[in-house]
PDB file of N, CA and C in Angstrom:
ATOM      1  N   MET A   1       0.902  -1.176   0.100  1.00  0.00           N
ATOM      2  CA  MET A   1      -0.056  -0.039  -0.016  1.00  0.00           C
ATOM      3  C   MET A   1       0.975   1.404  -0.217  1.00  0.00           C
ATOM      4  N   TYR A   2       1.116   1.791   1.056  1.00  0.00           N
ATOM      5  CA  TYR A   2       2.092   2.957   1.311  1.00  0.00           C
ATOM      6  C   TYR A   2       3.242   2.568   2.190  1.00  0.00           C
ATOM      7  N   GLN A   3       4.412   3.298   1.780  1.00  0.00           N
ATOM      8  CA  GLN A   3       5.443   2.727   2.823  1.00  0.00           C
ATOM      9  C   GLN A   3       5.763   4.009   3.808  1.00  0.00           C
ATOM     10  N   ASN A   4       5.365   5.203   3.678  1.00  0.00           N
ATOM     11  CA  ASN A   4       5.645   6.171   4.514  1.00  0.00           C
ATOM     12  C   ASN A   4       4.247   6.465   5.623  1.00  0.00           C
ATOM     13  N   PRO A   5       4.494   6.032   7.000  1.00  0.00           N
ATOM     14  CA  PRO A   5       3.537   6.131   7.828  1.00  0.00           C
ATOM     15  C   PRO A   5       3.119   7.602   8.207  1.00  0.00           C
ATOM     16  N   GLU A   6       3.873   8.635   7.761  1.00  0.00           N
ATOM     17  CA  GLU A   6       3.875   9.852   7.855  1.00  0.00           C
ATOM     18  C   GLU A   6       3.057  10.489   6.791  1.00  0.00           C
ATOM     19  N   ALA A   7       2.992   9.827   5.763  1.00  0.00           N
ATOM     20  CA  ALA A   7       2.115  10.420   4.550  1.00  0.00           C
ATOM     21  C   ALA A   7       0.813  10.736   5.013  1.00  0.00           C
ATOM     22  N   LEU A   8       0.261  11.606   4.283  1.00  0.00           N
ATOM     23  CA  LEU A   8      -1.282  12.122   4.601  1.00  0.00           C
ATOM     24  C   LEU A   8      -2.116  11.101   3.534  1.00  0.00           C
ATOM     25  N   LEU A   9      -3.156  10.605   4.336  1.00  0.00           N
ATOM     26  CA  LEU A   9      -4.040   9.685   3.510  1.00  0.00           C
ATOM     27  C   LEU A   9      -5.269  10.521   3.573  1.00  0.00           C
ATOM     28  N   SER A  10      -6.081  10.146   2.450  1.00  0.00           N
ATOM     29  CA  SER A  10      -7.526  10.624   2.312  1.00  0.00           C
ATOM     30  C   SER A  10      -8.253   9.652   3.066  1.00  0.00           C
ATOM     31  N   GLN A  11      -9.572  10.197   3.366  1.00  0.00           N
ATOM     32  CA  GLN A  11     -10.473   9.291   4.166  1.00  0.00           C
ATOM     33  C   GLN A  11     -10.789   7.945   3.348  1.00  0.00           C
ATOM     34  N   THR A  12     -10.780   7.838   2.084  1.00  0.00           N
ATOM     35  CA  THR A  12     -11.259   6.646   1.441  1.00  0.00           C
ATOM     36  C   THR A  12      -9.785   5.712   1.610  1.00  0.00           C
ATOM     37  N   GLN A  13      -8.706   6.294   1.475  1.00  0.00           N
ATOM     38  CA  GLN A  13      -7.352   5.389   1.722  1.00  0.00           C
ATOM     39  C   GLN A  13      -7.416   5.056   2.996  1.00  0.00           C
ATOM     40  N   LEU A  14      -7.750   5.633   4.015  1.00  0.00           N
ATOM     41  CA  LEU A  14      -7.796   5.294   5.377  1.00  0.00           C
ATOM     42  C   LEU A  14      -8.787   4.130   5.617  1.00  0.00           C
ATOM     43  N   ALA A  15      -9.791   4.444   5.238  1.00  0.00           N
ATOM     44  CA  ALA A  15     -11.022   3.490   5.260  1.00  0.00           C
ATOM     45  C   ALA A  15     -10.287   1.978   4.831  1.00  0.00           C
ATOM     46  N   ALA A  16      -9.871   2.053   3.659  1.00  0.00           N
ATOM     47  CA  ALA A  16      -9.450   0.860   2.892  1.00  0.00           C
ATOM     48  C   ALA A  16      -8.373   0.075   3.711  1.00  0.00           C
ATOM     49  N   SER A  17      -7.486   0.876   4.406  1.00  0.00           N
ATOM     50  CA  SER A  17      -6.412   0.543   5.002  1.00  0.00           C
ATOM     51  C   SER A  17      -6.837  -0.199   6.531  1.00  0.00           C
ATOM     52  N   LEU A  18      -7.808   0.353   7.102  1.00  0.00           N
ATOM     53  CA  LEU A  18      -8.404  -0.200   8.088  1.00  0.00           C
ATOM     54  C   LEU A  18      -9.410  -1.201   7.827  1.00  0.00           C
ATOM     55  N   GLY A  19     -10.007  -1.358   6.653  1.00  0.00           N
ATOM     56  CA  GLY A  19     -10.827  -2.591   6.374  1.00  0.00           C
ATOM     57  C   GLY A  19     -12.234  -2.159   6.788  1.00  0.00           C
ATOM     58  N   VAL A  20     -12.563  -0.720   6.790  1.00  0.00           N
ATOM     59  CA  VAL A  20     -13.870  -0.364   7.273  1.00  0.00           C
ATOM     60  C   VAL A  20     -14.464   0.583   6.029  1.00  0.00           C
ATOM     61  N   SER A  21     -15.687   1.194   6.336  1.00  0.00           N
ATOM     62  CA  SER A  21     -16.258   2.056   5.520  1.00  0.00           C
ATOM     63  C   SER A  21     -15.891   3.538   5.611  1.00  0.00           C
ATOM     64  N   SER A  22     -15.956   4.308   4.686  1.00  0.00           N
ATOM     65  CA  SER A  22     -15.650   5.757   4.922  1.00  0.00           C
ATOM     66  C   SER A  22     -16.424   6.430   5.927  1.00  0.00           C
ATOM     67  N   ARG A  23     -17.763   5.830   5.954  1.00  0.00           N
ATOM     68  CA  ARG A  23     -18.647   6.351   7.212  1.00  0.00           C
ATOM     69  C   ARG A  23     -18.151   5.967   8.413  1.00  0.00           C
ATOM     70  N   THR A  24     -17.519   4.905   8.650  1.00  0.00           N
ATOM     71  CA  THR A  24     -16.877   4.465   9.900  1.00  0.00           C
ATOM     72  C   THR A  24     -15.629   5.456  10.184  1.00  0.00           C
ATOM     73  N   VAL A  25     -14.947   5.791   9.136  1.00  0.00           N
ATOM     74  CA  VAL A  25     -13.873   6.666   9.536  1.00  0.00           C
ATOM     75  C   VAL A  25     -14.454   7.984  10.153  1.00  0.00           C
ATOM     76  N   GLN A  26     -15.523   8.661   9.470  1.00  0.00           N
ATOM     77  CA  GLN A  26     -16.289   9.784   9.659  1.00  0.00           C
ATOM     78  C   GLN A  26     -16.688   9.659  11.300  1.00  0.00           C
ATOM     79  N   ARG A  27     -17.229   8.518  11.497  1.00  0.00           N
ATOM     80  CA  ARG A  27     -17.858   8.307  12.899  1.00  0.00           C
ATOM     81  C   ARG A  27     -16.596   8.429  13.848  1.00  0.00           C
ATOM     82  N   TYR A  28     -15.488   7.858  13.712  1.00  0.00           N
ATOM     83  CA  TYR A  28     -14.317   7.736  14.530  1.00  0.00           C
ATOM     84  C   TYR A  28     -13.903   9.130  14.980  1.00  0.00           C
ATOM     85  N   VAL A  29     -14.027   9.990  13.733  1.00  0.00           N
ATOM     86  CA  VAL A  29     -13.466  11.409  13.781  1.00  0.00           C
ATOM     87  C   VAL A  29     -14.392  12.010  14.749  1.00  0.00           C
ATOM     88  N   ARG A  30     -15.686  11.852  14.392  1.00  0.00           N
ATOM     89  CA  ARG A  30     -16.925  12.593  15.190  1.00  0.00           C
ATOM     90  C   ARG A  30     -16.618  12.292  16.730  1.00  0.00           C
ATOM     91  N   LEU A  31     -16.563  10.991  16.944  1.00  0.00           N
ATOM     92  CA  LEU A  31     -16.289  10.515  18.532  1.00  0.00           C
ATOM     93  C   LEU A  31     -14.911  10.857  18.973  1.00  0.00           C
ATOM     94  N   GLY A  32     -13.874  11.516  18.290  1.00  0.00           N
ATOM     95  CA  GLY A  32     -12.573  11.658  18.642  1.00  0.00           C
ATOM     96  C   GLY A  32     -11.726  10.501  19.036  1.00  0.00           C
ATOM     97  N   LYS A  33     -12.098   9.424  18.309  1.00  0.00           N
ATOM     98  CA  LYS A  33     -11.184   8.253  18.422  1.00  0.00           C
ATOM     99  C   LYS A  33      -9.833   8.182  17.629  1.00  0.00           C
ATOM    100  N   ILE A  34      -9.767   9.200  16.417  1.00  0.00           N
ATOM    101  CA  ILE A  34      -8.449   9.275  15.832  1.00  0.00           C
ATOM    102  C   ILE A  34      -8.406  10.782  15.335  1.00  0.00           C
ATOM    103  N   PRO A  35      -7.187  11.041  15.115  1.00  0.00           N
ATOM    104  CA  PRO A  35      -6.872  12.534  14.862  1.00  0.00           C
ATOM    105  C   PRO A  35      -6.960  13.011  13.462  1.00  0.00           C
ATOM    106  N   VAL A  36      -7.455  13.850  13.170  1.00  0.00           N
ATOM    107  CA  VAL A  36      -7.639  14.446  11.622  1.00  0.00           C
ATOM    108  C   VAL A  36      -7.145  15.835  11.453  1.00  0.00           C
ATOM    109  N   HIS A  37      -6.621  15.869  10.235  1.00  0.00           N
ATOM    110  CA  HIS A  37      -6.088  17.206   9.949  1.00  0.00           C
ATOM    111  C   HIS A  37      -6.868  17.549   8.888  1.00  0.00           C
ATOM    112  N   ARG A  38      -6.760  18.970   8.311  1.00  0.00           N
ATOM    113  CA  ARG A  38      -7.689  19.384   7.285  1.00  0.00           C
ATOM    114  C   ARG A  38      -6.539  20.146   6.244  1.00  0.00           C
ATOM    115  N   ILE A  39      -6.954  19.927   5.106  1.00  0.00           N
ATOM    116  CA  ILE A  39      -6.434  20.798   4.205  1.00  0.00           C
ATOM    117  C   ILE A  39      -7.673  21.534   3.512  1.00  0.00           C
ATOM    118  N   GLY A  40      -7.920  22.584   4.023  1.00  0.00           N
ATOM    119  CA  GLY A  40      -9.033  23.496   3.466  1.00  0.00           C
ATOM    120  C   GLY A  40     -10.334  22.674   4.150  1.00  0.00           C
ATOM    121  N   PRO A  41     -11.311  22.064   3.491  1.00  0.00           N
ATOM    122  CA  PRO A  41     -12.254  21.333   4.177  1.00  0.00           C
ATOM    123  C   PRO A  41     -12.102  19.907   3.943  1.00  0.00           C
ATOM    124  N   VAL A  42     -10.770  19.468   3.322  1.00  0.00           N
ATOM    125  CA  VAL A  42     -10.901  18.022   3.068  1.00  0.00           C
ATOM    126  C   VAL A  42      -9.979  17.431   4.324  1.00  0.00           C
ATOM    127  N   PRO A  43     -10.757  16.363   4.819  1.00  0.00           N
ATOM    128  CA  PRO A  43      -9.974  15.617   5.914  1.00  0.00           C
ATOM    129  C   PRO A  43      -8.785  14.798   5.427  1.00  0.00           C
ATOM    130  N   VAL A  44      -7.517  14.789   6.178  1.00  0.00           N
ATOM    131  CA  VAL A  44      -6.470  13.985   5.627  1.00  0.00           C
ATOM    132  C   VAL A  44      -6.151  13.182   7.248  1.00  0.00           C
ATOM    133  N   PHE A  45      -5.362  12.215   6.849  1.00  0.00           N
ATOM    134  CA  PHE A  45      -4.934  11.445   8.196  1.00  0.00           C
ATOM    135  C   PHE A  45      -3.285  10.971   8.148  1.00  0.00           C
ATOM    136  N   ARG A  46      -2.876  10.805   9.285  1.00  0.00           N
ATOM    137  CA  ARG A  46      -1.423  10.126   9.090  1.00  0.00           C
ATOM    138  C   ARG A  46      -1.545   8.804   9.781  1.00  0.00           C
ATOM    139  N   TRP A  47      -1.231   7.847   8.889  1.00  0.00           N
ATOM    140  CA  TRP A  47      -1.420   6.365   9.524  1.00  0.00           C
ATOM    141  C   TRP A  47      -0.569   6.443  10.862  1.00  0.00           C
ATOM    142  N   SER A  48       0.484   6.930  11.154  1.00  0.00           N
ATOM    143  CA  SER A  48       1.302   6.797  12.386  1.00  0.00           C
ATOM    144  C   SER A  48       0.341   7.168  13.574  1.00  0.00           C
ATOM    145  N   GLU A  49      -0.455   8.237  13.376  1.00  0.00           N
ATOM    146  CA  GLU A  49      -1.249   8.901  14.511  1.00  0.00           C
ATOM    147  C   GLU A  49      -2.484   8.125  14.664  1.00  0.00           C
ATOM    148  N   VAL A  50      -3.099   7.561  13.564  1.00  0.00           N
ATOM    149  CA  VAL A  50      -4.246   6.857  13.602  1.00  0.00           C
ATOM    150  C   VAL A  50      -4.108   5.411  14.238  1.00  0.00           C
ATOM    151  N   SER A  51      -2.839   4.811  13.725  1.00  0.00           N
ATOM    152  CA  SER A  51      -2.461   3.328  14.374  1.00  0.00           C
ATOM    153  C   SER A  51      -2.191   3.561  15.839  1.00  0.00           C
ATOM    154  N   ALA A  52      -1.671   4.592  16.164  1.00  0.00           N
ATOM    155  CA  ALA A  52      -1.383   4.826  17.569  1.00  0.00           C
ATOM    156  C   ALA A  52      -2.657   5.195  18.526  1.00  0.00           C
ATOM    157  N   ALA A  53      -3.512   5.947  18.022  1.00  0.00           N
ATOM    158  CA  ALA A  53      -4.988   6.139  18.552  1.00  0.00           C
ATOM    159  C   ALA A  53      -5.599   4.920  18.631  1.00  0.00           C
ATOM    160  N   LEU A  54      -5.681   3.889  17.792  1.00  0.00           N
ATOM    161  CA  LEU A  54      -6.418   2.980  17.609  1.00  0.00           C
ATOM    162  C   LEU A  54      -5.680   1.762  18.303  1.00  0.00           C
ATOM    163  N   GLY A  55      -4.476   1.728  18.596  1.00  0.00           N
ATOM    164  CA  GLY A  55      -3.704   0.697  19.145  1.00  0.00           C
ATOM    165  C   GLY A  55      -3.237  -0.446  18.201  1.00  0.00           C
ATOM    166  N   LEU A  56      -3.060   0.125  17.181  1.00  0.00           N
ATOM    167  CA  LEU A  56      -2.613  -0.821  15.909  1.00  0.00           C
ATOM    168  C   LEU A  56      -1.014  -0.973  15.783  1.00  0.00           C
ATOM    169  N   GLY A  57      -0.794  -1.921  14.995  1.00  0.00           N
ATOM    170  CA  GLY A  57       0.639  -1.782  14.530  1.00  0.00           C
ATOM    171  C   GLY A  57       1.255  -1.112  13.559  1.00  0.00           C
ATOM    172  N   GLU A  58       2.146  -1.532  12.810  1.00  0.00           N
ATOM    173  CA  GLU A  58       2.769  -0.680  11.624  1.00  0.00           C
ATOM    174  C   GLU A  58       1.820  -0.360  10.541  1.00  0.00           C
ATOM    175  N   ALA A  59       2.330   0.518   9.621  1.00  0.00           N
ATOM    176  CA  ALA A  59       1.472   0.563   8.516  1.00  0.00           C
ATOM    177  C   ALA A  59       1.451  -0.377   7.826  1.00  0.00           C
ATOM    178  N   PRO A  60       0.398  -0.659   6.903  1.00  0.00           N
ATOM    179  CA  PRO A  60       0.175  -1.668   6.083  1.00  0.00           C
ATOM    180  C   PRO A  60       1.112  -2.045   4.897  1.00  0.00           C
ATOM    181  N   GLY A  61       1.650  -2.982   4.591  1.00  0.00           N
ATOM    182  CA  GLY A  61       2.466  -3.020   3.493  1.00  0.00           C
ATOM    183  C   GLY A  61       4.093  -2.854   4.055  1.00  0.00           C
ATOM    184  N   ARG A  62       4.186  -2.740   5.358  1.00  0.00           N
ATOM    185  CA  ARG A  62       5.546  -2.613   5.789  1.00  0.00           C
ATOM    186  C   ARG A  62       5.949  -3.947   6.715  1.00  0.00           C
ATOM    187  N   SER A  63       7.104  -4.239   6.461  1.00  0.00           N
ATOM    188  CA  SER A  63       7.476  -5.540   7.106  1.00  0.00           C
ATOM    189  C   SER A  63       8.308  -5.161   8.270  1.00  0.00           C
ATOM    190  N   GLN A  64       8.407  -5.950   9.205  1.00  0.00           N
ATOM    191  CA  GLN A  64       9.306  -5.872  10.460  1.00  0.00           C
ATOM    192  C   GLN A  64      10.391  -6.463  10.325  1.00  0.00           C
ATOM    193  N   THR A  65      11.690  -5.784  10.831  1.00  0.00           N
ATOM    194  CA  THR A  65      12.837  -6.448  10.549  1.00  0.00           C
ATOM    195  C   THR A  65      13.201  -7.137  11.956  1.00  0.00           C
ATOM    196  N   PRO A  66      13.576  -8.436  11.795  1.00  0.00           N
ATOM    197  CA  PRO A  66      14.033  -9.147  12.932  1.00  0.00           C
ATOM    198  C   PRO A  66      15.082  -8.802  13.795  1.00  0.00           C
TER     199      PRO A  66
END
């Protein structure tokens, strides 16, 4: 998927990465479960911040080094 956990993701990209709908991402934002940034009116997300907020591991597509 993406290699940089600091890259900005759209709501659709984040939903796909989490395996949820865009509506669920909207709900998480509204409930304060995940941090959101805005570029004008457009919500964008950093995987590193979202994964930390939800207690997830590394960004999808990244492998762990033993």
